[in-house]
Amino acid sequence: LFWENNQFLVTSYAENTRRFMPLRD
């Protein structure tokens, strides 16, 4: 899951790798 200008929404939606694994995860 890539993103721009919505880091915390991405983090919430990914839910600690349960749904997705963005870069911070």
mmCIF file of all heavy atoms, coordinates in Angstrom:
data_MODEL
# 
_entry.id   MODEL 
# 
loop_
_atom_site.group_PDB 
_atom_site.id 
_atom_site.type_symbol 
_atom_site.label_atom_id 
_atom_site.label_alt_id 
_atom_site.label_comp_id 
_atom_site.label_asym_id 
_atom_site.label_entity_id 
_atom_site.label_seq_id 
_atom_site.pdbx_PDB_ins_code 
_atom_site.Cartn_x 
_atom_site.Cartn_y 
_atom_site.Cartn_z 
_atom_site.occupancy 
_atom_site.B_iso_or_equiv 
_atom_site.pdbx_formal_charge 
_atom_site.auth_seq_id 
_atom_site.auth_comp_id 
_atom_site.auth_asym_id 
_atom_site.auth_atom_id 
_atom_site.pdbx_PDB_model_num 
ATOM 1   N N   . LEU A 1 1  ? 0.850   -1.188 0.000  1.00 0.00 ? 1  LEU A N   1 
ATOM 2   C CA  . LEU A 1 1  ? 0.000   0.000  0.000  1.00 0.00 ? 1  LEU A CA  1 
ATOM 3   C C   . LEU A 1 1  ? 0.891   1.245  0.000  1.00 0.00 ? 1  LEU A C   1 
ATOM 4   O O   . LEU A 1 1  ? 1.546   1.551  0.992  1.00 0.00 ? 1  LEU A O   1 
ATOM 5   C CB  . LEU A 1 1  ? -0.925  -0.004 1.220  1.00 0.00 ? 1  LEU A CB  1 
ATOM 6   C CG  . LEU A 1 1  ? -1.840  1.215  1.413  1.00 0.00 ? 1  LEU A CG  1 
ATOM 7   C CD1 . LEU A 1 1  ? -2.691  1.478  0.180  1.00 0.00 ? 1  LEU A CD1 1 
ATOM 8   C CD2 . LEU A 1 1  ? -2.731  1.015  2.645  1.00 0.00 ? 1  LEU A CD2 1 
ATOM 9   N N   . PHE A 1 2  ? 0.906   1.942  -1.130 1.00 0.00 ? 2  PHE A N   1 
ATOM 10  C CA  . PHE A 1 2  ? 1.675   3.175  -1.272 1.00 0.00 ? 2  PHE A CA  1 
ATOM 11  C C   . PHE A 1 2  ? 0.762   4.365  -0.970 1.00 0.00 ? 2  PHE A C   1 
ATOM 12  O O   . PHE A 1 2  ? -0.468  4.246  -1.017 1.00 0.00 ? 2  PHE A O   1 
ATOM 13  C CB  . PHE A 1 2  ? 2.237   3.287  -2.693 1.00 0.00 ? 2  PHE A CB  1 
ATOM 14  C CG  . PHE A 1 2  ? 3.242   2.217  -3.027 1.00 0.00 ? 2  PHE A CG  1 
ATOM 15  C CD1 . PHE A 1 2  ? 2.827   0.942  -3.405 1.00 0.00 ? 2  PHE A CD1 1 
ATOM 16  C CD2 . PHE A 1 2  ? 4.595   2.490  -2.979 1.00 0.00 ? 2  PHE A CD2 1 
ATOM 17  C CE1 . PHE A 1 2  ? 3.752   -0.043 -3.717 1.00 0.00 ? 2  PHE A CE1 1 
ATOM 18  C CE2 . PHE A 1 2  ? 5.535   1.503  -3.287 1.00 0.00 ? 2  PHE A CE2 1 
ATOM 19  C CZ  . PHE A 1 2  ? 5.108   0.236  -3.654 1.00 0.00 ? 2  PHE A CZ  1 
ATOM 20  N N   . TRP A 1 3  ? 1.354   5.527  -0.701 1.00 0.00 ? 3  TRP A N   1 
ATOM 21  C CA  . TRP A 1 3  ? 0.524   6.667  -0.313 1.00 0.00 ? 3  TRP A CA  1 
ATOM 22  C C   . TRP A 1 3  ? 1.261   7.979  -0.521 1.00 0.00 ? 3  TRP A C   1 
ATOM 23  O O   . TRP A 1 3  ? 2.484   8.010  -0.640 1.00 0.00 ? 3  TRP A O   1 
ATOM 24  C CB  . TRP A 1 3  ? 0.098   6.542  1.150  1.00 0.00 ? 3  TRP A CB  1 
ATOM 25  C CG  . TRP A 1 3  ? 1.248   6.425  2.115  1.00 0.00 ? 3  TRP A CG  1 
ATOM 26  C CD1 . TRP A 1 3  ? 1.859   5.275  2.529  1.00 0.00 ? 3  TRP A CD1 1 
ATOM 27  C CD2 . TRP A 1 3  ? 1.950   7.495  2.761  1.00 0.00 ? 3  TRP A CD2 1 
ATOM 28  N NE1 . TRP A 1 3  ? 2.885   5.564  3.385  1.00 0.00 ? 3  TRP A NE1 1 
ATOM 29  C CE2 . TRP A 1 3  ? 2.961   6.917  3.557  1.00 0.00 ? 3  TRP A CE2 1 
ATOM 30  C CE3 . TRP A 1 3  ? 1.807   8.889  2.750  1.00 0.00 ? 3  TRP A CE3 1 
ATOM 31  C CZ2 . TRP A 1 3  ? 3.828   7.672  4.328  1.00 0.00 ? 3  TRP A CZ2 1 
ATOM 32  C CZ3 . TRP A 1 3  ? 2.687   9.656  3.516  1.00 0.00 ? 3  TRP A CZ3 1 
ATOM 33  C CH2 . TRP A 1 3  ? 3.675   9.036  4.300  1.00 0.00 ? 3  TRP A CH2 1 
ATOM 34  N N   . GLU A 1 4  ? 0.473   9.040  -0.517 1.00 0.00 ? 4  GLU A N   1 
ATOM 35  C CA  . GLU A 1 4  ? 0.988   10.411 -0.464 1.00 0.00 ? 4  GLU A CA  1 
ATOM 36  C C   . GLU A 1 4  ? 0.002   11.272 0.329  1.00 0.00 ? 4  GLU A C   1 
ATOM 37  O O   . GLU A 1 4  ? -1.194  11.231 0.096  1.00 0.00 ? 4  GLU A O   1 
ATOM 38  C CB  . GLU A 1 4  ? 1.154   11.007 -1.865 1.00 0.00 ? 4  GLU A CB  1 
ATOM 39  C CG  . GLU A 1 4  ? 2.436   10.587 -2.587 1.00 0.00 ? 4  GLU A CG  1 
ATOM 40  C CD  . GLU A 1 4  ? 3.682   11.289 -2.052 1.00 0.00 ? 4  GLU A CD  1 
ATOM 41  O OE1 . GLU A 1 4  ? 3.578   12.010 -1.038 1.00 0.00 ? 4  GLU A OE1 1 
ATOM 42  O OE2 . GLU A 1 4  ? 4.755   11.109 -2.652 1.00 0.00 ? 4  GLU A OE2 1 
ATOM 43  N N   . ASN A 1 5  ? 0.524   12.001 1.302  1.00 0.00 ? 5  ASN A N   1 
ATOM 44  C CA  . ASN A 1 5  ? -0.239  13.002 2.074  1.00 0.00 ? 5  ASN A CA  1 
ATOM 45  C C   . ASN A 1 5  ? -1.405  12.438 2.882  1.00 0.00 ? 5  ASN A C   1 
ATOM 46  O O   . ASN A 1 5  ? -2.390  13.136 3.118  1.00 0.00 ? 5  ASN A O   1 
ATOM 47  C CB  . ASN A 1 5  ? -0.764  14.110 1.132  1.00 0.00 ? 5  ASN A CB  1 
ATOM 48  C CG  . ASN A 1 5  ? 0.358   14.905 0.508  1.00 0.00 ? 5  ASN A CG  1 
ATOM 49  O OD1 . ASN A 1 5  ? 1.299   15.308 1.190  1.00 0.00 ? 5  ASN A OD1 1 
ATOM 50  N ND2 . ASN A 1 5  ? 0.276   15.121 -0.798 1.00 0.00 ? 5  ASN A ND2 1 
ATOM 51  N N   . ASN A 1 6  ? -1.305  11.197 3.306  1.00 0.00 ? 6  ASN A N   1 
ATOM 52  C CA  . ASN A 1 6  ? -2.332  10.646 4.211  1.00 0.00 ? 6  ASN A CA  1 
ATOM 53  C C   . ASN A 1 6  ? -1.747  9.509  5.054  1.00 0.00 ? 6  ASN A C   1 
ATOM 54  O O   . ASN A 1 6  ? -2.372  8.465  5.225  1.00 0.00 ? 6  ASN A O   1 
ATOM 55  C CB  . ASN A 1 6  ? -3.566  10.177 3.439  1.00 0.00 ? 6  ASN A CB  1 
ATOM 56  C CG  . ASN A 1 6  ? -3.212  9.352  2.220  1.00 0.00 ? 6  ASN A CG  1 
ATOM 57  O OD1 . ASN A 1 6  ? -2.129  8.779  2.151  1.00 0.00 ? 6  ASN A OD1 1 
ATOM 58  N ND2 . ASN A 1 6  ? -4.117  9.281  1.257  1.00 0.00 ? 6  ASN A ND2 1 
ATOM 59  N N   . GLN A 1 7  ? -0.575  9.741  5.622  1.00 0.00 ? 7  GLN A N   1 
ATOM 60  C CA  . GLN A 1 7  ? 0.173   8.707  6.332  1.00 0.00 ? 7  GLN A CA  1 
ATOM 61  C C   . GLN A 1 7  ? -0.639  8.041  7.437  1.00 0.00 ? 7  GLN A C   1 
ATOM 62  O O   . GLN A 1 7  ? -0.642  6.805  7.557  1.00 0.00 ? 7  GLN A O   1 
ATOM 63  C CB  . GLN A 1 7  ? 1.446   9.310  6.933  1.00 0.00 ? 7  GLN A CB  1 
ATOM 64  C CG  . GLN A 1 7  ? 2.277   8.320  7.741  1.00 0.00 ? 7  GLN A CG  1 
ATOM 65  C CD  . GLN A 1 7  ? 3.538   8.934  8.302  1.00 0.00 ? 7  GLN A CD  1 
ATOM 66  O OE1 . GLN A 1 7  ? 3.763   10.142 8.171  1.00 0.00 ? 7  GLN A OE1 1 
ATOM 67  N NE2 . GLN A 1 7  ? 4.376   8.144  8.922  1.00 0.00 ? 7  GLN A NE2 1 
ATOM 68  N N   . PHE A 1 8  ? -1.323  8.828  8.244  1.00 0.00 ? 8  PHE A N   1 
ATOM 69  C CA  . PHE A 1 8  ? -1.975  8.243  9.414  1.00 0.00 ? 8  PHE A CA  1 
ATOM 70  C C   . PHE A 1 8  ? -3.252  7.498  9.034  1.00 0.00 ? 8  PHE A C   1 
ATOM 71  O O   . PHE A 1 8  ? -3.630  6.523  9.694  1.00 0.00 ? 8  PHE A O   1 
ATOM 72  C CB  . PHE A 1 8  ? -2.230  9.317  10.462 1.00 0.00 ? 8  PHE A CB  1 
ATOM 73  C CG  . PHE A 1 8  ? -0.946  9.898  11.005 1.00 0.00 ? 8  PHE A CG  1 
ATOM 74  C CD1 . PHE A 1 8  ? -0.547  11.183 10.682 1.00 0.00 ? 8  PHE A CD1 1 
ATOM 75  C CD2 . PHE A 1 8  ? -0.105  9.126  11.796 1.00 0.00 ? 8  PHE A CD2 1 
ATOM 76  C CE1 . PHE A 1 8  ? 0.654   11.697 11.149 1.00 0.00 ? 8  PHE A CE1 1 
ATOM 77  C CE2 . PHE A 1 8  ? 1.098   9.629  12.266 1.00 0.00 ? 8  PHE A CE2 1 
ATOM 78  C CZ  . PHE A 1 8  ? 1.481   10.918 11.944 1.00 0.00 ? 8  PHE A CZ  1 
ATOM 79  N N   . LEU A 1 9  ? -3.917  7.911  7.968  1.00 0.00 ? 9  LEU A N   1 
ATOM 80  C CA  . LEU A 1 9  ? -5.063  7.151  7.468  1.00 0.00 ? 9  LEU A CA  1 
ATOM 81  C C   . LEU A 1 9  ? -4.596  5.801  6.938  1.00 0.00 ? 9  LEU A C   1 
ATOM 82  O O   . LEU A 1 9  ? -5.237  4.766  7.184  1.00 0.00 ? 9  LEU A O   1 
ATOM 83  C CB  . LEU A 1 9  ? -5.777  7.942  6.374  1.00 0.00 ? 9  LEU A CB  1 
ATOM 84  C CG  . LEU A 1 9  ? -6.987  7.266  5.725  1.00 0.00 ? 9  LEU A CG  1 
ATOM 85  C CD1 . LEU A 1 9  ? -8.067  6.941  6.757  1.00 0.00 ? 9  LEU A CD1 1 
ATOM 86  C CD2 . LEU A 1 9  ? -7.568  8.155  4.617  1.00 0.00 ? 9  LEU A CD2 1 
ATOM 87  N N   . VAL A 1 10 ? -3.479  5.794  6.232  1.00 0.00 ? 10 VAL A N   1 
ATOM 88  C CA  . VAL A 1 10 ? -2.903  4.541  5.733  1.00 0.00 ? 10 VAL A CA  1 
ATOM 89  C C   . VAL A 1 10 ? -2.542  3.626  6.892  1.00 0.00 ? 10 VAL A C   1 
ATOM 90  O O   . VAL A 1 10 ? -2.837  2.425  6.880  1.00 0.00 ? 10 VAL A O   1 
ATOM 91  C CB  . VAL A 1 10 ? -1.658  4.842  4.864  1.00 0.00 ? 10 VAL A CB  1 
ATOM 92  C CG1 . VAL A 1 10 ? -0.828  3.586  4.650  1.00 0.00 ? 10 VAL A CG1 1 
ATOM 93  C CG2 . VAL A 1 10 ? -2.084  5.417  3.525  1.00 0.00 ? 10 VAL A CG2 1 
ATOM 94  N N   . THR A 1 11 ? -1.901  4.179  7.921  1.00 0.00 ? 11 THR A N   1 
ATOM 95  C CA  . THR A 1 11 ? -1.505  3.381  9.078  1.00 0.00 ? 11 THR A CA  1 
ATOM 96  C C   . THR A 1 11 ? -2.723  2.765  9.765  1.00 0.00 ? 11 THR A C   1 
ATOM 97  O O   . THR A 1 11 ? -2.716  1.583  10.115 1.00 0.00 ? 11 THR A O   1 
ATOM 98  C CB  . THR A 1 11 ? -0.719  4.249  10.077 1.00 0.00 ? 11 THR A CB  1 
ATOM 99  O OG1 . THR A 1 11 ? 0.466   4.753  9.444  1.00 0.00 ? 11 THR A OG1 1 
ATOM 100 C CG2 . THR A 1 11 ? -0.332  3.452  11.309 1.00 0.00 ? 11 THR A CG2 1 
ATOM 101 N N   . SER A 1 12 ? -3.774  3.548  9.920  1.00 0.00 ? 12 SER A N   1 
ATOM 102 C CA  . SER A 1 12 ? -4.990  3.040  10.566 1.00 0.00 ? 12 SER A CA  1 
ATOM 103 C C   . SER A 1 12 ? -5.639  1.945  9.738  1.00 0.00 ? 12 SER A C   1 
ATOM 104 O O   . SER A 1 12 ? -6.058  0.911  10.273 1.00 0.00 ? 12 SER A O   1 
ATOM 105 C CB  . SER A 1 12 ? -5.990  4.184  10.789 1.00 0.00 ? 12 SER A CB  1 
ATOM 106 O OG  . SER A 1 12 ? -5.474  5.142  11.678 1.00 0.00 ? 12 SER A OG  1 
ATOM 107 N N   . TYR A 1 13 ? -5.713  2.161  8.423  1.00 0.00 ? 13 TYR A N   1 
ATOM 108 C CA  . TYR A 1 13 ? -6.387  1.187  7.585  1.00 0.00 ? 13 TYR A CA  1 
ATOM 109 C C   . TYR A 1 13 ? -5.588  -0.114 7.473  1.00 0.00 ? 13 TYR A C   1 
ATOM 110 O O   . TYR A 1 13 ? -6.156  -1.209 7.459  1.00 0.00 ? 13 TYR A O   1 
ATOM 111 C CB  . TYR A 1 13 ? -6.647  1.768  6.190  1.00 0.00 ? 13 TYR A CB  1 
ATOM 112 C CG  . TYR A 1 13 ? -7.486  0.845  5.333  1.00 0.00 ? 13 TYR A CG  1 
ATOM 113 C CD1 . TYR A 1 13 ? -8.806  0.566  5.679  1.00 0.00 ? 13 TYR A CD1 1 
ATOM 114 C CD2 . TYR A 1 13 ? -6.961  0.248  4.202  1.00 0.00 ? 13 TYR A CD2 1 
ATOM 115 C CE1 . TYR A 1 13 ? -9.584  -0.298 4.918  1.00 0.00 ? 13 TYR A CE1 1 
ATOM 116 C CE2 . TYR A 1 13 ? -7.728  -0.612 3.432  1.00 0.00 ? 13 TYR A CE2 1 
ATOM 117 C CZ  . TYR A 1 13 ? -9.033  -0.883 3.796  1.00 0.00 ? 13 TYR A CZ  1 
ATOM 118 O OH  . TYR A 1 13 ? -9.785  -1.744 3.041  1.00 0.00 ? 13 TYR A OH  1 
ATOM 119 N N   . ALA A 1 14 ? -4.266  -0.003 7.411  1.00 0.00 ? 14 ALA A N   1 
ATOM 120 C CA  . ALA A 1 14 ? -3.427  -1.200 7.318  1.00 0.00 ? 14 ALA A CA  1 
ATOM 121 C C   . ALA A 1 14 ? -3.559  -2.073 8.561  1.00 0.00 ? 14 ALA A C   1 
ATOM 122 O O   . ALA A 1 14 ? -3.452  -3.301 8.480  1.00 0.00 ? 14 ALA A O   1 
ATOM 123 C CB  . ALA A 1 14 ? -1.975  -0.802 7.103  1.00 0.00 ? 14 ALA A CB  1 
ATOM 124 N N   . GLU A 1 15 ? -3.784  -1.449 9.704  1.00 0.00 ? 15 GLU A N   1 
ATOM 125 C CA  . GLU A 1 15 ? -3.983  -2.123 10.989 1.00 0.00 ? 15 GLU A CA  1 
ATOM 126 C C   . GLU A 1 15 ? -2.872  -3.129 11.302 1.00 0.00 ? 15 GLU A C   1 
ATOM 127 O O   . GLU A 1 15 ? -3.099  -4.323 11.480 1.00 0.00 ? 15 GLU A O   1 
ATOM 128 C CB  . GLU A 1 15 ? -5.353  -2.809 11.050 1.00 0.00 ? 15 GLU A CB  1 
ATOM 129 C CG  . GLU A 1 15 ? -5.806  -3.098 12.463 1.00 0.00 ? 15 GLU A CG  1 
ATOM 130 C CD  . GLU A 1 15 ? -7.193  -3.687 12.557 1.00 0.00 ? 15 GLU A CD  1 
ATOM 131 O OE1 . GLU A 1 15 ? -7.840  -3.932 11.522 1.00 0.00 ? 15 GLU A OE1 1 
ATOM 132 O OE2 . GLU A 1 15 ? -7.641  -3.899 13.693 1.00 0.00 ? 15 GLU A OE2 1 
ATOM 133 N N   . ASN A 1 16 ? -1.663  -2.576 11.361 1.00 0.00 ? 16 ASN A N   1 
ATOM 134 C CA  . ASN A 1 16 ? -0.503  -3.343 11.817 1.00 0.00 ? 16 ASN A CA  1 
ATOM 135 C C   . ASN A 1 16 ? -0.306  -4.618 11.005 1.00 0.00 ? 16 ASN A C   1 
ATOM 136 O O   . ASN A 1 16 ? -0.075  -5.694 11.563 1.00 0.00 ? 16 ASN A O   1 
ATOM 137 C CB  . ASN A 1 16 ? -0.635  -3.663 13.312 1.00 0.00 ? 16 ASN A CB  1 
ATOM 138 C CG  . ASN A 1 16 ? 0.704   -3.999 13.943 1.00 0.00 ? 16 ASN A CG  1 
ATOM 139 O OD1 . ASN A 1 16 ? 1.743   -3.488 13.525 1.00 0.00 ? 16 ASN A OD1 1 
ATOM 140 N ND2 . ASN A 1 16 ? 0.695   -4.864 14.946 1.00 0.00 ? 16 ASN A ND2 1 
ATOM 141 N N   . THR A 1 17 ? -0.413  -4.505 9.704  1.00 0.00 ? 17 THR A N   1 
ATOM 142 C CA  . THR A 1 17 ? -0.214  -5.557 8.688  1.00 0.00 ? 17 THR A CA  1 
ATOM 143 C C   . THR A 1 17 ? -1.411  -6.488 8.545  1.00 0.00 ? 17 THR A C   1 
ATOM 144 O O   . THR A 1 17 ? -1.385  -7.388 7.706  1.00 0.00 ? 17 THR A O   1 
ATOM 145 C CB  . THR A 1 17 ? 1.054   -6.423 8.941  1.00 0.00 ? 17 THR A CB  1 
ATOM 146 O OG1 . THR A 1 17 ? 0.829   -7.330 10.013 1.00 0.00 ? 17 THR A OG1 1 
ATOM 147 C CG2 . THR A 1 17 ? 2.266   -5.552 9.224  1.00 0.00 ? 17 THR A CG2 1 
ATOM 148 N N   . ARG A 1 18 ? -2.475  -6.294 9.316  1.00 0.00 ? 18 ARG A N   1 
ATOM 149 C CA  . ARG A 1 18 ? -3.607  -7.219 9.205  1.00 0.00 ? 18 ARG A CA  1 
ATOM 150 C C   . ARG A 1 18 ? -4.286  -7.102 7.849  1.00 0.00 ? 18 ARG A C   1 
ATOM 151 O O   . ARG A 1 18 ? -4.681  -8.112 7.253  1.00 0.00 ? 18 ARG A O   1 
ATOM 152 C CB  . ARG A 1 18 ? -4.625  -6.973 10.319 1.00 0.00 ? 18 ARG A CB  1 
ATOM 153 C CG  . ARG A 1 18 ? -5.690  -8.068 10.425 1.00 0.00 ? 18 ARG A CG  1 
ATOM 154 C CD  . ARG A 1 18 ? -6.614  -7.839 11.588 1.00 0.00 ? 18 ARG A CD  1 
ATOM 155 N NE  . ARG A 1 18 ? -7.590  -6.798 11.326 1.00 0.00 ? 18 ARG A NE  1 
ATOM 156 C CZ  . ARG A 1 18 ? -8.726  -6.988 10.652 1.00 0.00 ? 18 ARG A CZ  1 
ATOM 157 N NH1 . ARG A 1 18 ? -9.005  -8.175 10.145 1.00 0.00 ? 18 ARG A NH1 1 
ATOM 158 N NH2 . ARG A 1 18 ? -9.572  -6.001 10.461 1.00 0.00 ? 18 ARG A NH2 1 
ATOM 159 N N   . ARG A 1 19 ? -4.453  -5.860 7.349  1.00 0.00 ? 19 ARG A N   1 
ATOM 160 C CA  . ARG A 1 19 ? -5.081  -5.670 6.039  1.00 0.00 ? 19 ARG A CA  1 
ATOM 161 C C   . ARG A 1 19 ? -4.034  -5.480 4.937  1.00 0.00 ? 19 ARG A C   1 
ATOM 162 O O   . ARG A 1 19 ? -4.124  -6.097 3.888  1.00 0.00 ? 19 ARG A O   1 
ATOM 163 C CB  . ARG A 1 19 ? -6.014  -4.448 6.067  1.00 0.00 ? 19 ARG A CB  1 
ATOM 164 C CG  . ARG A 1 19 ? -7.234  -4.587 6.955  1.00 0.00 ? 19 ARG A CG  1 
ATOM 165 C CD  . ARG A 1 19 ? -8.231  -3.465 6.679  1.00 0.00 ? 19 ARG A CD  1 
ATOM 166 N NE  . ARG A 1 19 ? -9.353  -3.497 7.595  1.00 0.00 ? 19 ARG A NE  1 
ATOM 167 C CZ  . ARG A 1 19 ? -9.442  -2.774 8.702  1.00 0.00 ? 19 ARG A CZ  1 
ATOM 168 N NH1 . ARG A 1 19 ? -8.454  -1.939 9.012  1.00 0.00 ? 19 ARG A NH1 1 
ATOM 169 N NH2 . ARG A 1 19 ? -10.489 -2.861 9.489  1.00 0.00 ? 19 ARG A NH2 1 
ATOM 170 N N   . PHE A 1 20 ? -3.093  -4.587 5.203  1.00 0.00 ? 20 PHE A N   1 
ATOM 171 C CA  . PHE A 1 20 ? -2.055  -4.282 4.223  1.00 0.00 ? 20 PHE A CA  1 
ATOM 172 C C   . PHE A 1 20 ? -0.723  -4.096 4.938  1.00 0.00 ? 20 PHE A C   1 
ATOM 173 O O   . PHE A 1 20 ? -0.671  -3.999 6.173  1.00 0.00 ? 20 PHE A O   1 
ATOM 174 C CB  . PHE A 1 20 ? -2.409  -3.021 3.424  1.00 0.00 ? 20 PHE A CB  1 
ATOM 175 C CG  . PHE A 1 20 ? -3.543  -3.218 2.463  1.00 0.00 ? 20 PHE A CG  1 
ATOM 176 C CD1 . PHE A 1 20 ? -4.847  -2.907 2.823  1.00 0.00 ? 20 PHE A CD1 1 
ATOM 177 C CD2 . PHE A 1 20 ? -3.306  -3.716 1.187  1.00 0.00 ? 20 PHE A CD2 1 
ATOM 178 C CE1 . PHE A 1 20 ? -5.900  -3.098 1.941  1.00 0.00 ? 20 PHE A CE1 1 
ATOM 179 C CE2 . PHE A 1 20 ? -4.350  -3.913 0.299  1.00 0.00 ? 20 PHE A CE2 1 
ATOM 180 C CZ  . PHE A 1 20 ? -5.648  -3.601 0.681  1.00 0.00 ? 20 PHE A CZ  1 
ATOM 181 N N   . MET A 1 21 ? 0.339   -4.022 4.128  1.00 0.00 ? 21 MET A N   1 
ATOM 182 C CA  . MET A 1 21 ? 1.675   -3.830 4.687  1.00 0.00 ? 21 MET A CA  1 
ATOM 183 C C   . MET A 1 21 ? 2.339   -2.642 3.990  1.00 0.00 ? 21 MET A C   1 
ATOM 184 O O   . MET A 1 21 ? 3.145   -2.807 3.073  1.00 0.00 ? 21 MET A O   1 
ATOM 185 C CB  . MET A 1 21 ? 2.526   -5.093 4.523  1.00 0.00 ? 21 MET A CB  1 
ATOM 186 C CG  . MET A 1 21 ? 3.868   -5.016 5.241  1.00 0.00 ? 21 MET A CG  1 
ATOM 187 S SD  . MET A 1 21 ? 4.846   -6.546 5.072  1.00 0.00 ? 21 MET A SD  1 
ATOM 188 C CE  . MET A 1 21 ? 3.992   -7.606 6.242  1.00 0.00 ? 21 MET A CE  1 
ATOM 189 N N   . PRO A 1 22 ? 1.990   -1.417 4.400  1.00 0.00 ? 22 PRO A N   1 
ATOM 190 C CA  . PRO A 1 22 ? 2.673   -0.242 3.842  1.00 0.00 ? 22 PRO A CA  1 
ATOM 191 C C   . PRO A 1 22 ? 4.124   -0.196 4.303  1.00 0.00 ? 22 PRO A C   1 
ATOM 192 O O   . PRO A 1 22 ? 4.547   -1.007 5.140  1.00 0.00 ? 22 PRO A O   1 
ATOM 193 C CB  . PRO A 1 22 ? 1.862   0.931  4.406  1.00 0.00 ? 22 PRO A CB  1 
ATOM 194 C CG  . PRO A 1 22 ? 1.258   0.397  5.665  1.00 0.00 ? 22 PRO A CG  1 
ATOM 195 C CD  . PRO A 1 22 ? 1.000   -1.057 5.420  1.00 0.00 ? 22 PRO A CD  1 
ATOM 196 N N   . LEU A 1 23 ? 4.872   0.756  3.786  1.00 0.00 ? 23 LEU A N   1 
ATOM 197 C CA  . LEU A 1 23 ? 6.300   0.831  4.070  1.00 0.00 ? 23 LEU A CA  1 
ATOM 198 C C   . LEU A 1 23 ? 6.603   0.879  5.558  1.00 0.00 ? 23 LEU A C   1 
ATOM 199 O O   . LEU A 1 23 ? 7.535   0.221  6.025  1.00 0.00 ? 23 LEU A O   1 
ATOM 200 C CB  . LEU A 1 23 ? 6.901   2.055  3.355  1.00 0.00 ? 23 LEU A CB  1 
ATOM 201 C CG  . LEU A 1 23 ? 8.378   2.362  3.614  1.00 0.00 ? 23 LEU A CG  1 
ATOM 202 C CD1 . LEU A 1 23 ? 9.253   1.162  3.324  1.00 0.00 ? 23 LEU A CD1 1 
ATOM 203 C CD2 . LEU A 1 23 ? 8.815   3.560  2.765  1.00 0.00 ? 23 LEU A CD2 1 
ATOM 204 N N   . ARG A 1 24 ? 5.820   1.614  6.340  1.00 0.00 ? 24 ARG A N   1 
ATOM 205 C CA  . ARG A 1 24 ? 6.138   1.712  7.764  1.00 0.00 ? 24 ARG A CA  1 
ATOM 206 C C   . ARG A 1 24 ? 5.860   0.412  8.508  1.00 0.00 ? 24 ARG A C   1 
ATOM 207 O O   . ARG A 1 24 ? 6.220   0.252  9.677  1.00 0.00 ? 24 ARG A O   1 
ATOM 208 C CB  . ARG A 1 24 ? 5.387   2.879  8.412  1.00 0.00 ? 24 ARG A CB  1 
ATOM 209 C CG  . ARG A 1 24 ? 3.874   2.818  8.425  1.00 0.00 ? 24 ARG A CG  1 
ATOM 210 C CD  . ARG A 1 24 ? 3.259   2.102  9.620  1.00 0.00 ? 24 ARG A CD  1 
ATOM 211 N NE  . ARG A 1 24 ? 3.608   2.702  10.875 1.00 0.00 ? 24 ARG A NE  1 
ATOM 212 C CZ  . ARG A 1 24 ? 3.418   2.108  12.054 1.00 0.00 ? 24 ARG A CZ  1 
ATOM 213 N NH1 . ARG A 1 24 ? 2.899   0.894  12.112 1.00 0.00 ? 24 ARG A NH1 1 
ATOM 214 N NH2 . ARG A 1 24 ? 3.741   2.724  13.176 1.00 0.00 ? 24 ARG A NH2 1 
ATOM 215 N N   . ASP A 1 25 ? 5.236   -0.566 7.834  1.00 0.00 ? 25 ASP A N   1 
ATOM 216 C CA  . ASP A 1 25 ? 4.922   -1.836 8.477  1.00 0.00 ? 25 ASP A CA  1 
ATOM 217 C C   . ASP A 1 25 ? 5.811   -2.983 8.023  1.00 0.00 ? 25 ASP A C   1 
ATOM 218 O O   . ASP A 1 25 ? 5.568   -4.136 8.408  1.00 0.00 ? 25 ASP A O   1 
ATOM 219 C CB  . ASP A 1 25 ? 3.446   -2.201 8.246  1.00 0.00 ? 25 ASP A CB  1 
ATOM 220 C CG  . ASP A 1 25 ? 2.524   -1.434 9.175  1.00 0.00 ? 25 ASP A CG  1 
ATOM 221 O OD1 . ASP A 1 25 ? 3.005   -0.926 10.203 1.00 0.00 ? 25 ASP A OD1 1 
ATOM 222 O OD2 . ASP A 1 25 ? 1.321   -1.331 8.881  1.00 0.00 ? 25 ASP A OD2 1 
# 
